[in-house]
């Protein structure tokens, strides 16, 4: 499922709102802390230069749950 999410994020990365929506959706079903950390690192590498604030905000909200 994580690989599918990565493909989706790459597909919607042209649009900030779609990217944010899909990222938040993915973070709802990932439950393992280690998997979240790896996913965060992947997001930063892939999209950190495009959407740093969206990524930071999504993962901060996830940690605060």
N, C-alpha and C. Protein backbone atom coordinates (compact mmCIF):
# COMPACT_ATOMS: atom_id res chain seq x y z
N UNK A 1 0.82 -1.20 0.00
CA UNK A 1 0.00 0.00 0.00
C UNK A 1 0.87 1.26 0.00
N UNK A 2 1.99 1.20 0.69
CA UNK A 2 2.88 2.35 0.75
C UNK A 2 3.44 2.68 -0.64
N UNK A 3 3.77 1.64 -1.41
CA UNK A 3 4.28 1.87 -2.76
C UNK A 3 3.21 2.52 -3.64
N UNK A 4 1.98 2.11 -3.48
CA UNK A 4 0.88 2.73 -4.23
C UNK A 4 0.75 4.20 -3.85
N UNK A 5 0.86 4.49 -2.58
CA UNK A 5 0.78 5.88 -2.11
C UNK A 5 1.89 6.72 -2.72
N UNK A 6 3.09 6.16 -2.79
CA UNK A 6 4.21 6.89 -3.40
C UNK A 6 3.92 7.20 -4.86
N UNK A 7 3.36 6.24 -5.57
CA UNK A 7 3.01 6.46 -6.98
C UNK A 7 1.96 7.56 -7.11
N UNK A 8 0.98 7.51 -6.23
CA UNK A 8 -0.09 8.52 -6.26
C UNK A 8 0.49 9.91 -5.99
N UNK A 9 1.36 10.02 -4.99
CA UNK A 9 1.95 11.32 -4.68
C UNK A 9 2.77 11.85 -5.84
N UNK A 10 3.48 10.98 -6.51
CA UNK A 10 4.24 11.41 -7.69
C UNK A 10 3.30 11.89 -8.78
N UNK A 11 2.17 11.22 -8.93
CA UNK A 11 1.20 11.57 -9.97
C UNK A 11 0.54 12.91 -9.70
N UNK A 12 0.22 13.19 -8.44
CA UNK A 12 -0.50 14.43 -8.12
C UNK A 12 0.42 15.56 -7.69
N UNK A 13 1.71 15.37 -7.80
CA UNK A 13 2.65 16.38 -7.31
C UNK A 13 2.60 17.70 -8.08
N UNK A 14 1.90 17.73 -9.20
CA UNK A 14 1.75 18.97 -9.96
C UNK A 14 0.80 19.95 -9.28
N UNK A 15 -0.01 19.45 -8.34
CA UNK A 15 -1.04 20.28 -7.69
C UNK A 15 -0.88 20.21 -6.17
N UNK A 16 -0.66 21.33 -5.54
CA UNK A 16 -0.40 21.38 -4.10
C UNK A 16 -1.57 20.85 -3.27
N UNK A 17 -2.78 21.20 -3.65
CA UNK A 17 -3.94 20.75 -2.87
C UNK A 17 -4.15 19.24 -2.97
N UNK A 18 -4.00 18.70 -4.16
CA UNK A 18 -4.13 17.25 -4.33
C UNK A 18 -3.01 16.53 -3.58
N UNK A 19 -1.81 17.07 -3.67
CA UNK A 19 -0.68 16.48 -2.97
C UNK A 19 -0.94 16.45 -1.46
N UNK A 20 -1.39 17.56 -0.92
CA UNK A 20 -1.67 17.64 0.51
C UNK A 20 -2.77 16.66 0.91
N UNK A 21 -3.81 16.58 0.14
CA UNK A 21 -4.93 15.67 0.42
C UNK A 21 -4.45 14.21 0.44
N UNK A 22 -3.70 13.81 -0.57
CA UNK A 22 -3.22 12.43 -0.64
C UNK A 22 -2.20 12.11 0.45
N UNK A 23 -1.37 13.08 0.79
CA UNK A 23 -0.40 12.87 1.86
C UNK A 23 -1.12 12.67 3.19
N UNK A 24 -2.09 13.50 3.47
CA UNK A 24 -2.85 13.36 4.72
C UNK A 24 -3.62 12.04 4.76
N UNK A 25 -4.16 11.64 3.63
CA UNK A 25 -4.88 10.37 3.55
C UNK A 25 -3.93 9.20 3.85
N UNK A 26 -2.74 9.25 3.30
CA UNK A 26 -1.76 8.18 3.54
C UNK A 26 -1.37 8.10 5.01
N UNK A 27 -1.21 9.24 5.64
CA UNK A 27 -0.79 9.25 7.04
C UNK A 27 -1.86 8.73 7.98
N UNK A 28 -3.10 8.69 7.53
CA UNK A 28 -4.18 8.15 8.37
C UNK A 28 -4.08 6.64 8.52
N UNK A 29 -3.59 5.95 7.50
CA UNK A 29 -3.57 4.48 7.59
C UNK A 29 -2.20 3.91 7.95
N UNK A 30 -1.15 4.70 7.92
CA UNK A 30 0.16 4.21 8.35
C UNK A 30 0.21 4.27 9.87
N UNK A 31 0.42 3.14 10.50
CA UNK A 31 0.37 3.09 11.97
C UNK A 31 1.73 2.84 12.61
N UNK A 32 2.64 2.24 11.91
CA UNK A 32 3.95 1.92 12.47
C UNK A 32 4.84 3.16 12.47
N UNK A 33 5.40 3.49 13.63
CA UNK A 33 6.22 4.70 13.77
C UNK A 33 7.45 4.67 12.86
N UNK A 34 8.06 3.52 12.72
CA UNK A 34 9.24 3.39 11.86
C UNK A 34 8.87 3.61 10.39
N UNK A 35 7.72 3.09 10.00
CA UNK A 35 7.26 3.27 8.62
C UNK A 35 6.93 4.74 8.35
N UNK A 36 6.36 5.41 9.32
CA UNK A 36 6.07 6.84 9.18
C UNK A 36 7.36 7.62 8.99
N UNK A 37 8.38 7.29 9.77
CA UNK A 37 9.67 7.97 9.67
C UNK A 37 10.29 7.77 8.28
N UNK A 38 10.26 6.53 7.80
CA UNK A 38 10.81 6.25 6.46
C UNK A 38 10.01 6.98 5.38
N UNK A 39 8.70 7.01 5.54
CA UNK A 39 7.84 7.70 4.58
C UNK A 39 8.12 9.20 4.60
N UNK A 40 8.33 9.76 5.78
CA UNK A 40 8.66 11.17 5.90
C UNK A 40 9.98 11.48 5.19
N UNK A 41 10.97 10.65 5.42
CA UNK A 41 12.26 10.85 4.75
C UNK A 41 12.12 10.78 3.23
N UNK A 42 11.34 9.83 2.76
CA UNK A 42 11.11 9.70 1.32
C UNK A 42 10.43 10.96 0.78
N UNK A 43 9.41 11.45 1.49
CA UNK A 43 8.70 12.65 1.06
C UNK A 43 9.63 13.86 0.99
N UNK A 44 10.50 13.98 1.97
CA UNK A 44 11.44 15.11 1.99
C UNK A 44 12.40 15.03 0.81
N UNK A 45 12.91 13.83 0.53
CA UNK A 45 13.83 13.66 -0.60
C UNK A 45 13.12 13.94 -1.92
N UNK A 46 11.93 13.39 -2.10
CA UNK A 46 11.22 13.50 -3.37
C UNK A 46 10.58 14.87 -3.59
N UNK A 47 10.00 15.46 -2.54
CA UNK A 47 9.18 16.65 -2.71
C UNK A 47 9.56 17.81 -1.79
N UNK A 48 10.61 17.65 -1.03
CA UNK A 48 11.01 18.68 -0.07
C UNK A 48 11.31 20.03 -0.70
N UNK A 49 11.80 20.03 -1.91
CA UNK A 49 12.10 21.30 -2.57
C UNK A 49 10.85 21.96 -3.15
N UNK A 50 9.78 21.18 -3.33
CA UNK A 50 8.55 21.70 -3.93
C UNK A 50 7.53 22.08 -2.84
N UNK A 51 7.33 21.17 -1.88
CA UNK A 51 6.29 21.36 -0.87
C UNK A 51 6.82 21.20 0.56
N UNK A 52 7.84 21.93 0.95
CA UNK A 52 8.39 21.73 2.30
C UNK A 52 7.39 22.03 3.42
N UNK A 53 6.57 23.05 3.24
CA UNK A 53 5.61 23.41 4.30
C UNK A 53 4.50 22.38 4.43
N UNK A 54 4.01 21.89 3.32
CA UNK A 54 2.95 20.87 3.35
C UNK A 54 3.46 19.61 4.04
N UNK A 55 4.65 19.20 3.70
CA UNK A 55 5.23 17.99 4.30
C UNK A 55 5.44 18.19 5.79
N UNK A 56 6.06 19.30 6.16
CA UNK A 56 6.32 19.57 7.57
C UNK A 56 5.02 19.59 8.37
N UNK A 57 4.03 20.29 7.85
CA UNK A 57 2.74 20.40 8.54
C UNK A 57 2.06 19.04 8.69
N UNK A 58 2.06 18.24 7.64
CA UNK A 58 1.40 16.94 7.68
C UNK A 58 2.04 16.02 8.72
N UNK A 59 3.36 16.00 8.78
CA UNK A 59 4.02 15.11 9.71
C UNK A 59 4.00 15.63 11.14
N UNK A 60 3.97 16.95 11.32
CA UNK A 60 3.82 17.51 12.66
C UNK A 60 2.44 17.15 13.21
N UNK A 61 1.42 17.27 12.38
CA UNK A 61 0.08 16.90 12.81
C UNK A 61 0.00 15.41 13.14
N UNK A 62 0.68 14.59 12.38
CA UNK A 62 0.68 13.15 12.61
C UNK A 62 1.34 12.82 13.95
N UNK A 63 2.43 13.46 14.26
CA UNK A 63 3.15 13.19 15.50
C UNK A 63 2.33 13.64 16.70
N UNK A 64 1.56 14.70 16.55
CA UNK A 64 0.81 15.24 17.67
C UNK A 64 -0.46 14.45 18.00
N UNK A 65 -0.80 13.47 17.19
CA UNK A 65 -2.01 12.65 17.45
C UNK A 65 -1.81 11.72 18.60
